[in-house]
Amino acid sequence: SYINISATNKGNYNQIDWATSSEKNADYYIVERSTDGVHFTSVGRVEATGNSNAINTYSFKDLINPITFGYYRILQVDE
């Protein structure tokens, strides 16, 4: 389960960070972006740890059209 998700503008990219407290059969995460909070577009993929009962941290740099205000969501895809 997720314990922290944040997005920070770093000038020429947005950095999305998140952490999970546990994972079961997680294959990868899809990072999606939206400017209106309704319509989301996939902007990247991050490989998951898989199976874990420990805290795992992840990070993704959105280099495509960095925006200072917007919405992100993380989707977990299982094996």
PDB file of N, CA and C in Angstrom:
ATOM      1  N   SER A   1       0.835  -1.183   0.000  1.00  0.00           N
ATOM      2  CA  SER A   1       0.000   0.000   0.000  1.00  0.00           C
ATOM      3  C   SER A   1       0.881   1.248   0.000  1.00  0.00           C
ATOM      4  N   TYR A   2       0.351   2.344  -0.553  1.00  0.00           N
ATOM      5  CA  TYR A   2       1.090   3.598  -0.653  1.00  0.00           C
ATOM      6  C   TYR A   2       1.131   4.289   0.701  1.00  0.00           C
ATOM      7  N   ILE A   3       2.294   4.867   1.026  1.00  0.00           N
ATOM      8  CA  ILE A   3       2.389   5.640   2.261  1.00  0.00           C
ATOM      9  C   ILE A   3       2.763   7.087   1.998  1.00  0.00           C
ATOM     10  N   ASN A   4       3.194   7.399   0.768  1.00  0.00           N
ATOM     11  CA  ASN A   4       3.573   8.769   0.444  1.00  0.00           C
ATOM     12  C   ASN A   4       3.628   8.928  -1.064  1.00  0.00           C
ATOM     13  N   ILE A   5       3.040  10.007  -1.573  1.00  0.00           N
ATOM     14  CA  ILE A   5       3.143  10.353  -2.994  1.00  0.00           C
ATOM     15  C   ILE A   5       3.319  11.861  -3.070  1.00  0.00           C
ATOM     16  N   SER A   6       4.320  12.318  -3.838  1.00  0.00           N
ATOM     17  CA  SER A   6       4.517  13.762  -3.999  1.00  0.00           C
ATOM     18  C   SER A   6       5.042  14.058  -5.395  1.00  0.00           C
ATOM     19  N   ALA A   7       4.755  15.267  -5.864  1.00  0.00           N
ATOM     20  CA  ALA A   7       5.262  15.747  -7.152  1.00  0.00           C
ATOM     21  C   ALA A   7       5.845  17.136  -6.931  1.00  0.00           C
ATOM     22  N   THR A   8       7.070  17.346  -7.440  1.00  0.00           N
ATOM     23  CA  THR A   8       7.765  18.605  -7.239  1.00  0.00           C
ATOM     24  C   THR A   8       8.318  19.103  -8.564  1.00  0.00           C
ATOM     25  N   ASN A   9       8.073  20.377  -8.879  1.00  0.00           N
ATOM     26  CA  ASN A   9       8.637  20.968 -10.084  1.00  0.00           C
ATOM     27  C   ASN A   9      10.101  21.293  -9.824  1.00  0.00           C
ATOM     28  N   LYS A  10      10.984  20.821 -10.685  1.00  0.00           N
ATOM     29  CA  LYS A  10      12.426  21.038 -10.548  1.00  0.00           C
ATOM     30  C   LYS A  10      12.969  21.935 -11.658  1.00  0.00           C
ATOM     31  N   GLY A  11      12.112  22.768 -12.234  1.00  0.00           N
ATOM     32  CA  GLY A  11      12.539  23.670 -13.304  1.00  0.00           C
ATOM     33  C   GLY A  11      12.250  23.101 -14.669  1.00  0.00           C
ATOM     34  N   ASN A  12      13.106  22.180 -15.146  1.00  0.00           N
ATOM     35  CA  ASN A  12      12.891  21.617 -16.483  1.00  0.00           C
ATOM     36  C   ASN A  12      12.269  20.220 -16.440  1.00  0.00           C
ATOM     37  N   TYR A  13      11.843  19.770 -15.275  1.00  0.00           N
ATOM     38  CA  TYR A  13      11.108  18.506 -15.152  1.00  0.00           C
ATOM     39  C   TYR A  13      10.320  18.492 -13.842  1.00  0.00           C
ATOM     40  N   ASN A  14       9.361  17.600 -13.778  1.00  0.00           N
ATOM     41  CA  ASN A  14       8.630  17.352 -12.539  1.00  0.00           C
ATOM     42  C   ASN A  14       9.094  16.015 -11.984  1.00  0.00           C
ATOM     43  N   GLN A  15       9.396  15.983 -10.696  1.00  0.00           N
ATOM     44  CA  GLN A  15       9.823  14.739 -10.060  1.00  0.00           C
ATOM     45  C   GLN A  15       8.679  14.189  -9.226  1.00  0.00           C
ATOM     46  N   ILE A  16       8.333  12.934  -9.483  1.00  0.00           N
ATOM     47  CA  ILE A  16       7.271  12.261  -8.751  1.00  0.00           C
ATOM     48  C   ILE A  16       7.934  11.211  -7.872  1.00  0.00           C
ATOM     49  N   ASP A  17       7.669  11.269  -6.576  1.00  0.00           N
ATOM     50  CA  ASP A  17       8.223  10.330  -5.615  1.00  0.00           C
ATOM     51  C   ASP A  17       7.082   9.641  -4.894  1.00  0.00           C
ATOM     52  N   TRP A  18       7.251   8.349  -4.622  1.00  0.00           N
ATOM     53  CA  TRP A  18       6.259   7.639  -3.832  1.00  0.00           C
ATOM     54  C   TRP A  18       6.924   6.505  -3.087  1.00  0.00           C
ATOM     55  N   ALA A  19       6.234   6.022  -2.071  1.00  0.00           N
ATOM     56  CA  ALA A  19       6.738   4.907  -1.276  1.00  0.00           C
ATOM     57  C   ALA A  19       5.594   3.944  -0.997  1.00  0.00           C
ATOM     58  N   THR A  20       5.953   2.688  -0.859  1.00  0.00           N
ATOM     59  CA  THR A  20       4.973   1.661  -0.508  1.00  0.00           C
ATOM     60  C   THR A  20       5.414   0.985   0.781  1.00  0.00           C
ATOM     61  N   SER A  21       4.455   0.575   1.586  1.00  0.00           N
ATOM     62  CA  SER A  21       4.783  -0.120   2.832  1.00  0.00           C
ATOM     63  C   SER A  21       4.832  -1.625   2.635  1.00  0.00           C
ATOM     64  N   SER A  22       4.193  -2.102   1.567  1.00  0.00           N
ATOM     65  CA  SER A  22       4.230  -3.524   1.223  1.00  0.00           C
ATOM     66  C   SER A  22       3.802  -3.681  -0.230  1.00  0.00           C
ATOM     67  N   GLU A  23       4.220  -4.784  -0.843  1.00  0.00           N
ATOM     68  CA  GLU A  23       3.844  -5.089  -2.220  1.00  0.00           C
ATOM     69  C   GLU A  23       3.628  -6.595  -2.340  1.00  0.00           C
ATOM     70  N   LYS A  24       2.640  -6.950  -3.136  1.00  0.00           N
ATOM     71  CA  LYS A  24       2.384  -8.371  -3.396  1.00  0.00           C
ATOM     72  C   LYS A  24       2.158  -8.539  -4.888  1.00  0.00           C
ATOM     73  N   ASN A  25       3.046  -9.277  -5.540  1.00  0.00           N
ATOM     74  CA  ASN A  25       2.972  -9.550  -6.976  1.00  0.00           C
ATOM     75  C   ASN A  25       3.005  -8.289  -7.846  1.00  0.00           C
ATOM     76  N   ALA A  26       3.599  -7.215  -7.355  1.00  0.00           N
ATOM     77  CA  ALA A  26       3.693  -5.979  -8.139  1.00  0.00           C
ATOM     78  C   ALA A  26       4.722  -6.162  -9.247  1.00  0.00           C
ATOM     79  N   ASP A  27       4.357  -5.832 -10.483  1.00  0.00           N
ATOM     80  CA  ASP A  27       5.257  -5.957 -11.625  1.00  0.00           C
ATOM     81  C   ASP A  27       5.895  -4.603 -11.946  1.00  0.00           C
ATOM     82  N   TYR A  28       5.062  -3.579 -12.120  1.00  0.00           N
ATOM     83  CA  TYR A  28       5.555  -2.235 -12.401  1.00  0.00           C
ATOM     84  C   TYR A  28       4.485  -1.204 -12.072  1.00  0.00           C
ATOM     85  N   TYR A  29       4.905   0.065 -12.089  1.00  0.00           N
ATOM     86  CA  TYR A  29       3.999   1.182 -11.846  1.00  0.00           C
ATOM     87  C   TYR A  29       3.920   2.033 -13.107  1.00  0.00           C
ATOM     88  N   ILE A  30       2.735   2.505 -13.421  1.00  0.00           N
ATOM     89  CA  ILE A  30       2.532   3.435 -14.524  1.00  0.00           C
ATOM     90  C   ILE A  30       2.292   4.812 -13.917  1.00  0.00           C
ATOM     91  N   VAL A  31       3.052   5.802 -14.373  1.00  0.00           N
ATOM     92  CA  VAL A  31       2.885   7.179 -13.916  1.00  0.00           C
ATOM     93  C   VAL A  31       2.040   7.903 -14.952  1.00  0.00           C
ATOM     94  N   GLU A  32       0.956   8.531 -14.499  1.00  0.00           N
ATOM     95  CA  GLU A  32       0.070   9.274 -15.396  1.00  0.00           C
ATOM     96  C   GLU A  32      -0.012  10.731 -14.959  1.00  0.00           C
ATOM     97  N   ARG A  33      -0.194  11.629 -15.951  1.00  0.00           N
ATOM     98  CA  ARG A  33      -0.271  13.072 -15.714  1.00  0.00           C
ATOM     99  C   ARG A  33      -1.561  13.628 -16.291  1.00  0.00           C
ATOM    100  N   SER A  34      -2.082  14.674 -15.631  1.00  0.00           N
ATOM    101  CA  SER A  34      -3.272  15.369 -16.109  1.00  0.00           C
ATOM    102  C   SER A  34      -3.156  16.850 -15.773  1.00  0.00           C
ATOM    103  N   THR A  35      -3.706  17.697 -16.636  1.00  0.00           N
ATOM    104  CA  THR A  35      -3.761  19.123 -16.341  1.00  0.00           C
ATOM    105  C   THR A  35      -5.103  19.516 -15.740  1.00  0.00           C
ATOM    106  N   ASP A  36      -6.118  18.635 -15.864  1.00  0.00           N
ATOM    107  CA  ASP A  36      -7.443  18.970 -15.352  1.00  0.00           C
ATOM    108  C   ASP A  36      -7.933  18.033 -14.245  1.00  0.00           C
ATOM    109  N   GLY A  37      -7.173  16.996 -13.922  1.00  0.00           N
ATOM    110  CA  GLY A  37      -7.572  16.056 -12.877  1.00  0.00           C
ATOM    111  C   GLY A  37      -8.604  15.043 -13.325  1.00  0.00           C
ATOM    112  N   VAL A  38      -8.983  15.068 -14.605  1.00  0.00           N
ATOM    113  CA  VAL A  38      -9.995  14.157 -15.138  1.00  0.00           C
ATOM    114  C   VAL A  38      -9.400  13.250 -16.216  1.00  0.00           C
ATOM    115  N   HIS A  39      -8.722  13.851 -17.178  1.00  0.00           N
ATOM    116  CA  HIS A  39      -8.155  13.126 -18.310  1.00  0.00           C
ATOM    117  C   HIS A  39      -6.663  12.915 -18.072  1.00  0.00           C
ATOM    118  N   PHE A  40      -6.255  11.657 -17.914  1.00  0.00           N
ATOM    119  CA  PHE A  40      -4.865  11.325 -17.611  1.00  0.00           C
ATOM    120  C   PHE A  40      -4.192  10.658 -18.805  1.00  0.00           C
ATOM    121  N   THR A  41      -2.882  10.920 -18.955  1.00  0.00           N
ATOM    122  CA  THR A  41      -2.064  10.333 -19.995  1.00  0.00           C
ATOM    123  C   THR A  41      -0.850   9.673 -19.354  1.00  0.00           C
ATOM    124  N   SER A  42      -0.513   8.480 -19.805  1.00  0.00           N
ATOM    125  CA  SER A  42       0.665   7.785 -19.302  1.00  0.00           C
ATOM    126  C   SER A  42       1.923   8.528 -19.741  1.00  0.00           C
ATOM    127  N   VAL A  43       2.830   8.773 -18.776  1.00  0.00           N
ATOM    128  CA  VAL A  43       4.081   9.459 -19.096  1.00  0.00           C
ATOM    129  C   VAL A  43       5.298   8.603 -18.768  1.00  0.00           C
ATOM    130  N   GLY A  44       5.093   7.438 -18.160  1.00  0.00           N
ATOM    131  CA  GLY A  44       6.245   6.595 -17.874  1.00  0.00           C
ATOM    132  C   GLY A  44       5.912   5.352 -17.087  1.00  0.00           C
ATOM    133  N   ARG A  45       6.956   4.555 -16.900  1.00  0.00           N
ATOM    134  CA  ARG A  45       6.814   3.270 -16.222  1.00  0.00           C
ATOM    135  C   ARG A  45       8.028   3.063 -15.319  1.00  0.00           C
ATOM    136  N   VAL A  46       7.783   2.521 -14.132  1.00  0.00           N
ATOM    137  CA  VAL A  46       8.850   2.239 -13.165  1.00  0.00           C
ATOM    138  C   VAL A  46       8.681   0.799 -12.699  1.00  0.00           C
ATOM    139  N   GLU A  47       9.747   0.020 -12.749  1.00  0.00           N
ATOM    140  CA  GLU A  47       9.698  -1.368 -12.312  1.00  0.00           C
ATOM    141  C   GLU A  47       9.471  -1.432 -10.799  1.00  0.00           C
ATOM    142  N   ALA A  48       8.642  -2.374 -10.359  1.00  0.00           N
ATOM    143  CA  ALA A  48       8.332  -2.553  -8.940  1.00  0.00           C
ATOM    144  C   ALA A  48       9.288  -3.554  -8.312  1.00  0.00           C
ATOM    145  N   THR A  49       9.344  -3.540  -7.002  1.00  0.00           N
ATOM    146  CA  THR A  49      10.148  -4.507  -6.262  1.00  0.00           C
ATOM    147  C   THR A  49       9.557  -5.902  -6.399  1.00  0.00           C
ATOM    148  N   GLY A  50       8.239  -6.006  -6.408  1.00  0.00           N
ATOM    149  CA  GLY A  50       7.574  -7.299  -6.608  1.00  0.00           C
ATOM    150  C   GLY A  50       6.821  -7.753  -5.388  1.00  0.00           C
ATOM    151  N   ASN A  51       7.531  -8.392  -4.470  1.00  0.00           N
ATOM    152  CA  ASN A  51       6.936  -8.855  -3.218  1.00  0.00           C
ATOM    153  C   ASN A  51       7.803  -8.350  -2.081  1.00  0.00           C
ATOM    154  N   SER A  52       7.168  -7.628  -1.152  1.00  0.00           N
ATOM    155  CA  SER A  52       7.944  -7.051  -0.070  1.00  0.00           C
ATOM    156  C   SER A  52       7.026  -6.639   1.072  1.00  0.00           C
ATOM    157  N   ASN A  53       7.527  -6.775   2.281  1.00  0.00           N
ATOM    158  CA  ASN A  53       6.842  -6.258   3.461  1.00  0.00           C
ATOM    159  C   ASN A  53       7.612  -5.094   4.057  1.00  0.00           C
ATOM    160  N   ALA A  54       8.587  -4.581   3.317  1.00  0.00           N
ATOM    161  CA  ALA A  54       9.399  -3.452   3.752  1.00  0.00           C
ATOM    162  C   ALA A  54       9.006  -2.203   2.960  1.00  0.00           C
ATOM    163  N   ILE A  55       9.456  -1.060   3.425  1.00  0.00           N
ATOM    164  CA  ILE A  55       9.195   0.197   2.715  1.00  0.00           C
ATOM    165  C   ILE A  55      10.086   0.266   1.479  1.00  0.00           C
ATOM    166  N   ASN A  56       9.484   0.535   0.336  1.00  0.00           N
ATOM    167  CA  ASN A  56      10.197   0.716  -0.927  1.00  0.00           C
ATOM    168  C   ASN A  56       9.914   2.111  -1.448  1.00  0.00           C
ATOM    169  N   THR A  57      10.947   2.808  -1.910  1.00  0.00           N
ATOM    170  CA  THR A  57      10.777   4.155  -2.447  1.00  0.00           C
ATOM    171  C   THR A  57      11.033   4.144  -3.949  1.00  0.00           C
ATOM    172  N   TYR A  58      10.283   4.997  -4.652  1.00  0.00           N
ATOM    173  CA  TYR A  58      10.364   5.082  -6.105  1.00  0.00           C
ATOM    174  C   TYR A  58      10.410   6.546  -6.520  1.00  0.00           C
ATOM    175  N   SER A  59      10.961   6.791  -7.703  1.00  0.00           N
ATOM    176  CA  SER A  59      11.055   8.149  -8.224  1.00  0.00           C
ATOM    177  C   SER A  59      10.946   8.107  -9.744  1.00  0.00           C
ATOM    178  N   PHE A  60      10.328   9.141 -10.310  1.00  0.00           N
ATOM    179  CA  PHE A  60      10.187   9.260 -11.755  1.00  0.00           C
ATOM    180  C   PHE A  60      10.329  10.722 -12.140  1.00  0.00           C
ATOM    181  N   LYS A  61      11.115  10.998 -13.189  1.00  0.00           N
ATOM    182  CA  LYS A  61      11.274  12.362 -13.702  1.00  0.00           C
ATOM    183  C   LYS A  61      10.420  12.513 -14.952  1.00  0.00           C
ATOM    184  N   ASP A  62       9.444  13.413 -14.901  1.00  0.00           N
ATOM    185  CA  ASP A  62       8.591  13.697 -16.051  1.00  0.00           C
ATOM    186  C   ASP A  62       9.229  14.812 -16.863  1.00  0.00           C
ATOM    187  N   LEU A  63       9.955  14.420 -17.920  1.00  0.00           N
ATOM    188  CA  LEU A  63      10.671  15.371 -18.770  1.00  0.00           C
ATOM    189  C   LEU A  63       9.806  15.896 -19.906  1.00  0.00           C
ATOM    190  N   ILE A  64       8.616  15.317 -20.080  1.00  0.00           N
ATOM    191  CA  ILE A  64       7.733  15.709 -21.168  1.00  0.00           C
ATOM    192  C   ILE A  64       6.823  16.840 -20.705  1.00  0.00           C
ATOM    193  N   ASN A  65       6.999  18.026 -21.276  1.00  0.00           N
ATOM    194  CA  ASN A  65       6.135  19.163 -20.992  1.00  0.00           C
ATOM    195  C   ASN A  65       5.989  19.423 -19.491  1.00  0.00           C
ATOM    196  N   PRO A  66       7.078  19.745 -18.787  1.00  0.00           N
ATOM    197  CA  PRO A  66       6.957  20.013 -17.360  1.00  0.00           C
ATOM    198  C   PRO A  66       5.970  21.146 -17.083  1.00  0.00           C
ATOM    199  N   ILE A  67       5.140  20.948 -16.090  1.00  0.00           N
ATOM    200  CA  ILE A  67       4.157  21.949 -15.703  1.00  0.00           C
ATOM    201  C   ILE A  67       4.320  22.236 -14.219  1.00  0.00           C
ATOM    202  N   THR A  68       4.013  23.446 -13.816  1.00  0.00           N
ATOM    203  CA  THR A  68       4.157  23.797 -12.403  1.00  0.00           C
ATOM    204  C   THR A  68       2.906  23.464 -11.610  1.00  0.00           C
ATOM    205  N   PHE A  69       1.795  23.205 -12.294  1.00  0.00           N
ATOM    206  CA  PHE A  69       0.575  22.803 -11.601  1.00  0.00           C
ATOM    207  C   PHE A  69      -0.092  21.711 -12.408  1.00  0.00           C
ATOM    208  N   GLY A  70      -0.456  20.657 -11.766  1.00  0.00           N
ATOM    209  CA  GLY A  70      -1.094  19.556 -12.466  1.00  0.00           C
ATOM    210  C   GLY A  70      -1.370  18.428 -11.500  1.00  0.00           C
ATOM    211  N   TYR A  71      -1.733  17.305 -12.049  1.00  0.00           N
ATOM    212  CA  TYR A  71      -2.100  16.143 -11.255  1.00  0.00           C
ATOM    213  C   TYR A  71      -1.332  14.930 -11.750  1.00  0.00           C
ATOM    214  N   TYR A  72      -0.937  14.084 -10.812  1.00  0.00           N
ATOM    215  CA  TYR A  72      -0.303  12.819 -11.148  1.00  0.00           C
ATOM    216  C   TYR A  72      -1.018  11.700 -10.415  1.00  0.00           C
ATOM    217  N   ARG A  73      -0.981  10.521 -11.007  1.00  0.00           N
ATOM    218  CA  ARG A  73      -1.455   9.338 -10.301  1.00  0.00           C
ATOM    219  C   ARG A  73      -0.560   8.172 -10.680  1.00  0.00           C
ATOM    220  N   ILE A  74      -0.485   7.222  -9.763  1.00  0.00           N
ATOM    221  CA  ILE A  74       0.368   6.055  -9.918  1.00  0.00           C
ATOM    222  C   ILE A  74      -0.545   4.824  -9.960  1.00  0.00           C
ATOM    223  N   LEU A  75      -0.388   4.000 -10.994  1.00  0.00           N
ATOM    224  CA  LEU A  75      -1.153   2.773 -11.115  1.00  0.00           C
ATOM    225  C   LEU A  75      -0.222   1.586 -10.955  1.00  0.00           C
ATOM    226  N   GLN A  76      -0.570   0.672 -10.083  1.00  0.00           N
ATOM    227  CA  GLN A  76       0.219  -0.541  -9.901  1.00  0.00           C
ATOM    228  C   GLN A  76      -0.303  -1.642 -10.825  1.00  0.00           C
ATOM    229  N   VAL A  77       0.604  -2.273 -11.560  1.00  0.00           N
ATOM    230  CA  VAL A  77       0.268  -3.387 -12.426  1.00  0.00           C
ATOM    231  C   VAL A  77       0.888  -4.637 -11.824  1.00  0.00           C
ATOM    232  N   ASP A  78       0.064  -5.650 -11.582  1.00  0.00           N
ATOM    233  CA  ASP A  78       0.522  -6.881 -10.970  1.00  0.00           C
ATOM    234  C   ASP A  78       0.942  -7.899 -12.018  1.00  0.00           C
ATOM    235  N   GLU A  79       1.744  -8.868 -11.585  1.00  0.00           N
ATOM    236  CA  GLU A  79       2.192  -9.946 -12.468  1.00  0.00           C
ATOM    237  C   GLU A  79       1.049 -10.812 -12.916  1.00  0.00           C
TER     238      GLU A  79
END
